[in-house]
PDB file of all heavy atoms in Angstrom:
ATOM      1  N   TRP A   1    -141.855  41.422  96.288  1.00  0.00           N
ATOM      2  CA  TRP A   1    -143.209  41.526  96.711  1.00  0.00           C
ATOM      3  C   TRP A   1    -143.495  42.899  97.312  1.00  0.00           C
ATOM      4  O   TRP A   1    -144.523  43.522  96.975  1.00  0.00           O
ATOM      5  CB  TRP A   1    -143.605  40.375  97.594  1.00  0.00           C
ATOM      6  CG  TRP A   1    -145.020  40.349  97.989  1.00  0.00           C
ATOM      7  CD1 TRP A   1    -146.032  39.706  97.349  1.00  0.00           C
ATOM      8  CD2 TRP A   1    -145.651  40.934  99.177  1.00  0.00           C
ATOM      9  NE1 TRP A   1    -147.241  39.842  98.005  1.00  0.00           N
ATOM     10  CE2 TRP A   1    -147.022  40.621  99.139  1.00  0.00           C
ATOM     11  CE3 TRP A   1    -145.161  41.708 100.196  1.00  0.00           C
ATOM     12  CZ2 TRP A   1    -147.879  41.056 100.094  1.00  0.00           C
ATOM     13  CZ3 TRP A   1    -146.044  42.137 101.193  1.00  0.00           C
ATOM     14  CH2 TRP A   1    -147.427  41.844 101.123  1.00  0.00           C
ATOM     15  N   LEU A   2    -142.665  43.390  98.262  1.00  0.00           N
ATOM     16  CA  LEU A   2    -142.867  44.551  98.883  1.00  0.00           C
ATOM     17  C   LEU A   2    -142.846  45.757  97.946  1.00  0.00           C
ATOM     18  O   LEU A   2    -143.704  46.656  98.055  1.00  0.00           O
ATOM     19  CB  LEU A   2    -141.860  44.823 100.002  1.00  0.00           C
ATOM     20  CG  LEU A   2    -142.046  44.024 101.253  1.00  0.00           C
ATOM     21  CD1 LEU A   2    -140.873  44.162 102.214  1.00  0.00           C
ATOM     22  CD2 LEU A   2    -143.327  44.393 102.004  1.00  0.00           C
ATOM     23  N   MET A   3    -141.953  45.795  96.983  1.00  0.00           N
ATOM     24  CA  MET A   3    -141.886  46.882  96.035  1.00  0.00           C
ATOM     25  C   MET A   3    -143.113  46.906  95.186  1.00  0.00           C
ATOM     26  O   MET A   3    -143.632  47.997  94.854  1.00  0.00           O
ATOM     27  CB  MET A   3    -140.616  46.763  95.152  1.00  0.00           C
ATOM     28  CG  MET A   3    -139.323  46.938  95.949  1.00  0.00           C
ATOM     29  SD  MET A   3    -139.191  48.564  96.758  1.00  0.00           S
ATOM     30  CE  MET A   3    -139.059  49.622  95.322  1.00  0.00           C
ATOM     31  N   ALA A   4    -143.611  45.782  94.744  1.00  0.00           N
ATOM     32  CA  ALA A   4    -144.811  45.705  93.939  1.00  0.00           C
ATOM     33  C   ALA A   4    -146.011  46.154  94.704  1.00  0.00           C
ATOM     34  O   ALA A   4    -146.830  46.900  94.201  1.00  0.00           O
ATOM     35  CB  ALA A   4    -145.020  44.255  93.460  1.00  0.00           C
ATOM     36  N   ARG A   5    -146.129  45.808  95.981  1.00  0.00           N
ATOM     37  CA  ARG A   5    -147.248  46.260  96.803  1.00  0.00           C
ATOM     38  C   ARG A   5    -147.205  47.768  96.943  1.00  0.00           C
ATOM     39  O   ARG A   5    -148.265  48.408  96.820  1.00  0.00           O
ATOM     40  CB  ARG A   5    -147.170  45.580  98.181  1.00  0.00           C
ATOM     41  CG  ARG A   5    -148.394  45.940  99.018  1.00  0.00           C
ATOM     42  CD  ARG A   5    -148.363  45.307 100.326  1.00  0.00           C
ATOM     43  NE  ARG A   5    -147.275  45.896 101.145  1.00  0.00           N
ATOM     44  CZ  ARG A   5    -147.177  45.698 102.463  1.00  0.00           C
ATOM     45  NH1 ARG A   5    -147.964  44.955 103.082  1.00  0.00           N
ATOM     46  NH2 ARG A   5    -146.203  46.320 103.081  1.00  0.00           N
ATOM     47  N   GLU A   6    -146.040  48.403  97.143  1.00  0.00           N
ATOM     48  CA  GLU A   6    -145.947  49.815  97.232  1.00  0.00           C
ATOM     49  C   GLU A   6    -146.348  50.484  95.892  1.00  0.00           C
ATOM     50  O   GLU A   6    -147.102  51.467  95.907  1.00  0.00           O
ATOM     51  CB  GLU A   6    -144.552  50.248  97.627  1.00  0.00           C
ATOM     52  CG  GLU A   6    -144.175  49.857  99.058  1.00  0.00           C
ATOM     53  CD  GLU A   6    -145.200  50.331 100.048  1.00  0.00           C
ATOM     54  OE1 GLU A   6    -145.564  51.531 100.041  1.00  0.00           O
ATOM     55  OE2 GLU A   6    -145.622  49.485 100.903  1.00  0.00           O
ATOM     56  N   HIS A   7    -145.980  49.893  94.780  1.00  0.00           N
ATOM     57  CA  HIS A   7    -146.381  50.436  93.491  1.00  0.00           C
ATOM     58  C   HIS A   7    -147.915  50.421  93.351  1.00  0.00           C
ATOM     59  O   HIS A   7    -148.550  51.357  92.926  1.00  0.00           O
ATOM     60  CB  HIS A   7    -145.713  49.652  92.352  1.00  0.00           C
ATOM     61  CG  HIS A   7    -146.257  49.973  91.017  1.00  0.00           C
ATOM     62  ND1 HIS A   7    -145.846  51.140  90.327  1.00  0.00           N
ATOM     63  CD2 HIS A   7    -147.108  49.321  90.195  1.00  0.00           C
ATOM     64  CE1 HIS A   7    -146.466  51.189  89.175  1.00  0.00           C
ATOM     65  NE2 HIS A   7    -147.239  50.073  89.049  1.00  0.00           N
ATOM     66  N   TYR A   8    -148.510  49.290  93.703  1.00  0.00           N
ATOM     67  CA  TYR A   8    -149.962  49.165  93.623  1.00  0.00           C
ATOM     68  C   TYR A   8    -150.678  50.127  94.511  1.00  0.00           C
ATOM     69  O   TYR A   8    -151.695  50.681  94.196  1.00  0.00           O
ATOM     70  CB  TYR A   8    -150.422  47.734  93.983  1.00  0.00           C
ATOM     71  CG  TYR A   8    -150.239  46.701  92.822  1.00  0.00           C
ATOM     72  CD1 TYR A   8    -149.678  45.495  93.001  1.00  0.00           C
ATOM     73  CD2 TYR A   8    -150.688  47.048  91.515  1.00  0.00           C
ATOM     74  CE1 TYR A   8    -149.520  44.654  92.025  1.00  0.00           C
ATOM     75  CE2 TYR A   8    -150.548  46.158  90.474  1.00  0.00           C
ATOM     76  CZ  TYR A   8    -149.940  44.950  90.727  1.00  0.00           C
ATOM     77  OH  TYR A   8    -149.783  44.055  89.726  1.00  0.00           O
ATOM     78  N   LYS A   9    -150.100  50.369  95.755  1.00  0.00           N
ATOM     79  CA  LYS A   9    -150.767  51.304  96.649  1.00  0.00           C
ATOM     80  C   LYS A   9    -150.770  52.729  96.108  1.00  0.00           C
ATOM     81  O   LYS A   9    -151.755  53.491  96.286  1.00  0.00           O
ATOM     82  CB  LYS A   9    -149.983  51.342  97.977  1.00  0.00           C
ATOM     83  CG  LYS A   9    -150.249  50.209  98.918  1.00  0.00           C
ATOM     84  CD  LYS A   9    -149.431  50.406 100.166  1.00  0.00           C
ATOM     85  CE  LYS A   9    -149.711  49.458 101.265  1.00  0.00           C
ATOM     86  NZ  LYS A   9    -148.946  49.690 102.478  1.00  0.00           N
ATOM     87  N   ILE A  10    -149.800  53.101  95.330  1.00  0.00           N
ATOM     88  CA  ILE A  10    -149.695  54.438  94.699  1.00  0.00           C
ATOM     89  C   ILE A  10    -150.645  54.481  93.494  1.00  0.00           C
ATOM     90  O   ILE A  10    -151.385  55.397  93.301  1.00  0.00           O
ATOM     91  CB  ILE A  10    -148.210  54.764  94.274  1.00  0.00           C
ATOM     92  CG1 ILE A  10    -147.373  54.926  95.548  1.00  0.00           C
ATOM     93  CG2 ILE A  10    -148.225  55.975  93.387  1.00  0.00           C
ATOM     94  CD1 ILE A  10    -145.868  54.992  95.270  1.00  0.00           C
ATOM     95  N   THR A  11    -150.573  53.403  92.660  1.00  0.00           N
ATOM     96  CA  THR A  11    -151.406  53.422  91.407  1.00  0.00           C
ATOM     97  C   THR A  11    -152.848  53.303  91.682  1.00  0.00           C
ATOM     98  O   THR A  11    -153.685  53.957  91.062  1.00  0.00           O
ATOM     99  CB  THR A  11    -150.937  52.198  90.535  1.00  0.00           C
ATOM    100  OG1 THR A  11    -149.517  52.327  90.319  1.00  0.00           O
ATOM    101  CG2 THR A  11    -151.645  52.190  89.225  1.00  0.00           C
ATOM    102  N   TYR A  12    -153.247  52.508  92.673  1.00  0.00           N
ATOM    103  CA  TYR A  12    -154.663  52.237  92.992  1.00  0.00           C
ATOM    104  C   TYR A  12    -154.922  52.744  94.457  1.00  0.00           C
ATOM    105  O   TYR A  12    -155.247  51.989  95.305  1.00  0.00           O
ATOM    106  CB  TYR A  12    -155.016  50.811  92.900  1.00  0.00           C
ATOM    107  CG  TYR A  12    -154.699  50.259  91.482  1.00  0.00           C
ATOM    108  CD1 TYR A  12    -153.622  49.483  91.252  1.00  0.00           C
ATOM    109  CD2 TYR A  12    -155.552  50.609  90.439  1.00  0.00           C
ATOM    110  CE1 TYR A  12    -153.331  48.974  89.924  1.00  0.00           C
ATOM    111  CE2 TYR A  12    -155.294  50.163  89.132  1.00  0.00           C
ATOM    112  CZ  TYR A  12    -154.167  49.323  88.895  1.00  0.00           C
ATOM    113  OH  TYR A  12    -153.940  48.858  87.652  1.00  0.00           O
ATOM    114  N   ASN A  13    -154.753  54.060  94.637  1.00  0.00           N
ATOM    115  CA  ASN A  13    -154.802  54.638  95.994  1.00  0.00           C
ATOM    116  C   ASN A  13    -156.254  54.964  96.517  1.00  0.00           C
ATOM    117  O   ASN A  13    -156.433  55.508  97.576  1.00  0.00           O
ATOM    118  CB  ASN A  13    -153.969  55.835  96.125  1.00  0.00           C
ATOM    119  CG  ASN A  13    -154.298  56.946  95.129  1.00  0.00           C
ATOM    120  OD1 ASN A  13    -155.327  56.833  94.407  1.00  0.00           O
ATOM    121  ND2 ASN A  13    -153.535  58.000  95.086  1.00  0.00           N
ATOM    122  N   ASN A  14    -157.256  54.641  95.686  1.00  0.00           N
ATOM    123  CA  ASN A  14    -158.611  54.789  96.164  1.00  0.00           C
ATOM    124  C   ASN A  14    -159.503  53.775  95.482  1.00  0.00           C
ATOM    125  O   ASN A  14    -159.129  53.169  94.397  1.00  0.00           O
ATOM    126  CB  ASN A  14    -159.117  56.182  95.988  1.00  0.00           C
ATOM    127  CG  ASN A  14    -159.222  56.643  94.558  1.00  0.00           C
ATOM    128  OD1 ASN A  14    -159.793  55.945  93.700  1.00  0.00           O
ATOM    129  ND2 ASN A  14    -158.624  57.811  94.231  1.00  0.00           N
ATOM    130  N   ARG A  15    -160.704  53.513  95.917  1.00  0.00           N
ATOM    131  CA  ARG A  15    -161.613  52.511  95.443  1.00  0.00           C
ATOM    132  C   ARG A  15    -162.004  52.777  93.978  1.00  0.00           C
ATOM    133  O   ARG A  15    -162.147  51.867  93.197  1.00  0.00           O
ATOM    134  CB  ARG A  15    -162.843  52.463  96.334  1.00  0.00           C
ATOM    135  CG  ARG A  15    -163.903  51.452  95.960  1.00  0.00           C
ATOM    136  CD  ARG A  15    -163.331  50.141  95.627  1.00  0.00           C
ATOM    137  NE  ARG A  15    -163.291  49.166  96.672  1.00  0.00           N
ATOM    138  CZ  ARG A  15    -162.784  47.910  96.507  1.00  0.00           C
ATOM    139  NH1 ARG A  15    -162.263  47.576  95.392  1.00  0.00           N
ATOM    140  NH2 ARG A  15    -162.826  47.089  97.501  1.00  0.00           N
ATOM    141  N   ALA A  16    -162.167  54.056  93.666  1.00  0.00           N
ATOM    142  CA  ALA A  16    -162.570  54.378  92.240  1.00  0.00           C
ATOM    143  C   ALA A  16    -161.526  53.939  91.223  1.00  0.00           C
ATOM    144  O   ALA A  16    -161.842  53.393  90.194  1.00  0.00           O
ATOM    145  CB  ALA A  16    -162.802  55.897  92.092  1.00  0.00           C
ATOM    146  N   LYS A  17    -160.281  54.138  91.575  1.00  0.00           N
ATOM    147  CA  LYS A  17    -159.154  53.741  90.662  1.00  0.00           C
ATOM    148  C   LYS A  17    -159.047  52.184  90.648  1.00  0.00           C
ATOM    149  O   LYS A  17    -158.714  51.587  89.582  1.00  0.00           O
ATOM    150  CB  LYS A  17    -157.787  54.293  91.145  1.00  0.00           C
ATOM    151  CG  LYS A  17    -157.690  55.763  90.852  1.00  0.00           C
ATOM    152  CD  LYS A  17    -156.290  56.253  91.253  1.00  0.00           C
ATOM    153  CE  LYS A  17    -156.210  57.756  91.123  1.00  0.00           C
ATOM    154  NZ  LYS A  17    -154.879  58.196  91.630  1.00  0.00           N
ATOM    155  N   MET A  18    -159.358  51.500  91.736  1.00  0.00           N
ATOM    156  CA  MET A  18    -159.236  50.075  91.830  1.00  0.00           C
ATOM    157  C   MET A  18    -160.313  49.422  90.901  1.00  0.00           C
ATOM    158  O   MET A  18    -160.042  48.421  90.270  1.00  0.00           O
ATOM    159  CB  MET A  18    -159.419  49.569  93.265  1.00  0.00           C
ATOM    160  CG  MET A  18    -158.184  49.907  94.143  1.00  0.00           C
ATOM    161  SD  MET A  18    -158.484  49.414  95.801  1.00  0.00           S
ATOM    162  CE  MET A  18    -158.535  47.641  95.679  1.00  0.00           C
ATOM    163  N   GLY A  19    -161.527  49.916  91.008  1.00  0.00           N
ATOM    164  CA  GLY A  19    -162.600  49.331  90.226  1.00  0.00           C
ATOM    165  C   GLY A  19    -162.776  47.868  90.588  1.00  0.00           C
ATOM    166  O   GLY A  19    -162.452  47.461  91.706  1.00  0.00           O
ATOM    167  N   THR A  20    -163.294  47.070  89.668  1.00  0.00           N
ATOM    168  CA  THR A  20    -163.464  45.682  89.849  1.00  0.00           C
ATOM    169  C   THR A  20    -162.654  44.924  88.783  1.00  0.00           C
ATOM    170  O   THR A  20    -162.882  45.068  87.600  1.00  0.00           O
ATOM    171  CB  THR A  20    -164.984  45.269  89.706  1.00  0.00           C
ATOM    172  OG1 THR A  20    -165.714  46.029  90.692  1.00  0.00           O
ATOM    173  CG2 THR A  20    -165.186  43.826  89.936  1.00  0.00           C
ATOM    174  N   LEU A  21    -161.769  44.101  89.267  1.00  0.00           N
ATOM    175  CA  LEU A  21    -160.837  43.387  88.393  1.00  0.00           C
ATOM    176  C   LEU A  21    -161.475  42.070  87.950  1.00  0.00           C
ATOM    177  O   LEU A  21    -161.975  41.361  88.786  1.00  0.00           O
ATOM    178  CB  LEU A  21    -159.509  43.127  89.069  1.00  0.00           C
ATOM    179  CG  LEU A  21    -158.446  42.387  88.314  1.00  0.00           C
ATOM    180  CD1 LEU A  21    -158.056  43.058  87.010  1.00  0.00           C
ATOM    181  CD2 LEU A  21    -157.225  42.157  89.205  1.00  0.00           C
ATOM    182  N   ARG A  22    -161.435  41.806  86.662  1.00  0.00           N
ATOM    183  CA  ARG A  22    -161.997  40.564  86.122  1.00  0.00           C
ATOM    184  C   ARG A  22    -160.979  39.848  85.243  1.00  0.00           C
ATOM    185  O   ARG A  22    -160.184  40.549  84.518  1.00  0.00           O
ATOM    186  CB  ARG A  22    -163.236  40.831  85.311  1.00  0.00           C
ATOM    187  CG  ARG A  22    -164.361  41.397  86.142  1.00  0.00           C
ATOM    188  CD  ARG A  22    -165.699  41.259  85.462  1.00  0.00           C
ATOM    189  NE  ARG A  22    -166.717  41.688  86.384  1.00  0.00           N
ATOM    190  CZ  ARG A  22    -167.608  42.599  86.086  1.00  0.00           C
ATOM    191  NH1 ARG A  22    -167.701  43.111  84.901  1.00  0.00           N
ATOM    192  NH2 ARG A  22    -168.574  42.946  87.025  1.00  0.00           N
ATOM    193  N   PHE A  23    -160.992  38.520  85.231  1.00  0.00           N
ATOM    194  CA  PHE A  23    -160.065  37.746  84.388  1.00  0.00           C
ATOM    195  C   PHE A  23    -160.872  36.867  83.444  1.00  0.00           C
ATOM    196  O   PHE A  23    -162.005  36.458  83.856  1.00  0.00           O
ATOM    197  CB  PHE A  23    -159.184  36.823  85.276  1.00  0.00           C
ATOM    198  CG  PHE A  23    -158.301  37.593  86.244  1.00  0.00           C
ATOM    199  CD1 PHE A  23    -158.613  37.585  87.619  1.00  0.00           C
ATOM    200  CD2 PHE A  23    -157.211  38.305  85.764  1.00  0.00           C
ATOM    201  CE1 PHE A  23    -157.818  38.317  88.540  1.00  0.00           C
ATOM    202  CE2 PHE A  23    -156.401  38.984  86.707  1.00  0.00           C
ATOM    203  CZ  PHE A  23    -156.751  38.994  88.053  1.00  0.00           C
ATOM    204  N   SER A  24    -160.368  36.591  82.299  1.00  0.00           N
ATOM    205  CA  SER A  24    -161.056  35.724  81.343  1.00  0.00           C
ATOM    206  C   SER A  24    -160.082  35.064  80.457  1.00  0.00           C
ATOM    207  O   SER A  24    -158.864  35.385  80.458  1.00  0.00           O
ATOM    208  CB  SER A  24    -162.054  36.521  80.488  1.00  0.00           C
ATOM    209  OG  SER A  24    -161.405  37.512  79.702  1.00  0.00           O
ATOM    210  N   ASP A  25    -160.539  34.136  79.640  1.00  0.00           N
ATOM    211  CA  ASP A  25    -159.786  33.442  78.612  1.00  0.00           C
ATOM    212  C   ASP A  25    -158.515  32.828  79.202  1.00  0.00           C
ATOM    213  O   ASP A  25    -157.417  32.892  78.577  1.00  0.00           O
ATOM    214  CB  ASP A  25    -159.403  34.401  77.441  1.00  0.00           C
ATOM    215  CG  ASP A  25    -160.620  35.065  76.781  1.00  0.00           C
ATOM    216  OD1 ASP A  25    -161.670  34.357  76.770  1.00  0.00           O
ATOM    217  OD2 ASP A  25    -160.523  36.176  76.304  1.00  0.00           O
ATOM    218  N   LEU A  26    -158.619  32.177  80.325  1.00  0.00           N
ATOM    219  CA  LEU A  26    -157.473  31.596  80.984  1.00  0.00           C
ATOM    220  C   LEU A  26    -157.026  30.307  80.267  1.00  0.00           C
ATOM    221  O   LEU A  26    -157.793  29.466  79.924  1.00  0.00           O
ATOM    222  CB  LEU A  26    -157.802  31.253  82.412  1.00  0.00           C
ATOM    223  CG  LEU A  26    -158.154  32.460  83.326  1.00  0.00           C
ATOM    224  CD1 LEU A  26    -158.561  31.948  84.723  1.00  0.00           C
ATOM    225  CD2 LEU A  26    -157.086  33.427  83.414  1.00  0.00           C
ATOM    226  N   GLU A  27    -155.700  30.244  80.095  1.00  0.00           N
ATOM    227  CA  GLU A  27    -155.020  29.065  79.521  1.00  0.00           C
ATOM    228  C   GLU A  27    -154.044  28.667  80.477  1.00  0.00           C
ATOM    229  O   GLU A  27    -153.044  29.452  80.737  1.00  0.00           O
ATOM    230  CB  GLU A  27    -154.460  29.347  78.139  1.00  0.00           C
ATOM    231  CG  GLU A  27    -155.430  29.695  77.108  1.00  0.00           C
ATOM    232  CD  GLU A  27    -154.817  30.034  75.773  1.00  0.00           C
ATOM    233  OE1 GLU A  27    -153.670  29.516  75.487  1.00  0.00           O
ATOM    234  OE2 GLU A  27    -155.359  30.819  75.022  1.00  0.00           O
ATOM    235  N   ILE A  28    -154.106  27.442  81.063  1.00  0.00           N
ATOM    236  CA  ILE A  28    -153.150  26.976  82.091  1.00  0.00           C
ATOM    237  C   ILE A  28    -152.282  25.892  81.477  1.00  0.00           C
ATOM    238  O   ILE A  28    -152.864  24.868  80.932  1.00  0.00           O
ATOM    239  CB  ILE A  28    -153.842  26.520  83.322  1.00  0.00           C
ATOM    240  CG1 ILE A  28    -154.687  27.640  83.911  1.00  0.00           C
ATOM    241  CG2 ILE A  28    -152.838  25.995  84.376  1.00  0.00           C
ATOM    242  CD1 ILE A  28    -155.652  27.256  84.991  1.00  0.00           C
ATOM    243  N   GLN A  29    -150.939  26.021  81.481  1.00  0.00           N
ATOM    244  CA  GLN A  29    -150.088  24.997  80.974  1.00  0.00           C
ATOM    245  C   GLN A  29    -149.157  24.559  82.167  1.00  0.00           C
ATOM    246  O   GLN A  29    -148.225  25.304  82.528  1.00  0.00           O
ATOM    247  CB  GLN A  29    -149.272  25.521  79.833  1.00  0.00           C
ATOM    248  CG  GLN A  29    -148.303  24.549  79.236  1.00  0.00           C
ATOM    249  CD  GLN A  29    -147.515  25.115  78.104  1.00  0.00           C
ATOM    250  OE1 GLN A  29    -147.775  26.197  77.676  1.00  0.00           O
ATOM    251  NE2 GLN A  29    -146.616  24.299  77.622  1.00  0.00           N
ATOM    252  N   PRO A  30    -149.300  23.295  82.593  1.00  0.00           N
ATOM    253  CA  PRO A  30    -148.369  22.828  83.597  1.00  0.00           C
ATOM    254  C   PRO A  30    -146.985  22.686  83.015  1.00  0.00           C
ATOM    255  O   PRO A  30    -146.804  22.279  81.874  1.00  0.00           O
ATOM    256  CB  PRO A  30    -148.955  21.422  83.955  1.00  0.00           C
ATOM    257  CG  PRO A  30    -150.350  21.389  83.496  1.00  0.00           C
ATOM    258  CD  PRO A  30    -150.378  22.333  82.303  1.00  0.00           C
ATOM    259  N   LEU A  31    -145.982  23.078  83.825  1.00  0.00           N
ATOM    260  CA  LEU A  31    -144.643  22.964  83.370  1.00  0.00           C
ATOM    261  C   LEU A  31    -143.922  21.813  84.154  1.00  0.00           C
ATOM    262  O   LEU A  31    -142.953  21.218  83.621  1.00  0.00           O
ATOM    263  CB  LEU A  31    -143.828  24.264  83.712  1.00  0.00           C
ATOM    264  CG  LEU A  31    -144.401  25.484  82.922  1.00  0.00           C
ATOM    265  CD1 LEU A  31    -143.653  26.725  83.448  1.00  0.00           C
ATOM    266  CD2 LEU A  31    -144.255  25.317  81.429  1.00  0.00           C
ATOM    267  N   SER A  32    -144.420  21.521  85.352  1.00  0.00           N
ATOM    268  CA  SER A  32    -143.964  20.446  86.140  1.00  0.00           C
ATOM    269  C   SER A  32    -144.955  20.178  87.222  1.00  0.00           C
ATOM    270  O   SER A  32    -146.037  20.831  87.232  1.00  0.00           O
ATOM    271  CB  SER A  32    -142.606  20.682  86.723  1.00  0.00           C
ATOM    272  OG  SER A  32    -142.729  21.692  87.782  1.00  0.00           O
ATOM    273  N   ASN A  33    -144.703  19.324  88.193  1.00  0.00           N
ATOM    274  CA  ASN A  33    -145.609  19.126  89.326  1.00  0.00           C
ATOM    275  C   ASN A  33    -145.714  20.338  90.205  1.00  0.00           C
ATOM    276  O   ASN A  33    -146.621  20.489  91.002  1.00  0.00           O
ATOM    277  CB  ASN A  33    -145.274  17.889  90.160  1.00  0.00           C
ATOM    278  CG  ASN A  33    -145.517  16.567  89.402  1.00  0.00           C
ATOM    279  OD1 ASN A  33    -146.393  16.543  88.560  1.00  0.00           O
ATOM    280  ND2 ASN A  33    -144.803  15.573  89.731  1.00  0.00           N
TER     281      ASN A  33
END
């Protein structure tokens, strides 16, 4: 988790790069409880 957070901080280091993230076409498949 920490390494991924550091990667995101570098990749998206300002609001313009971050933009607005949207998700669509979600398919959820339960594997267990």
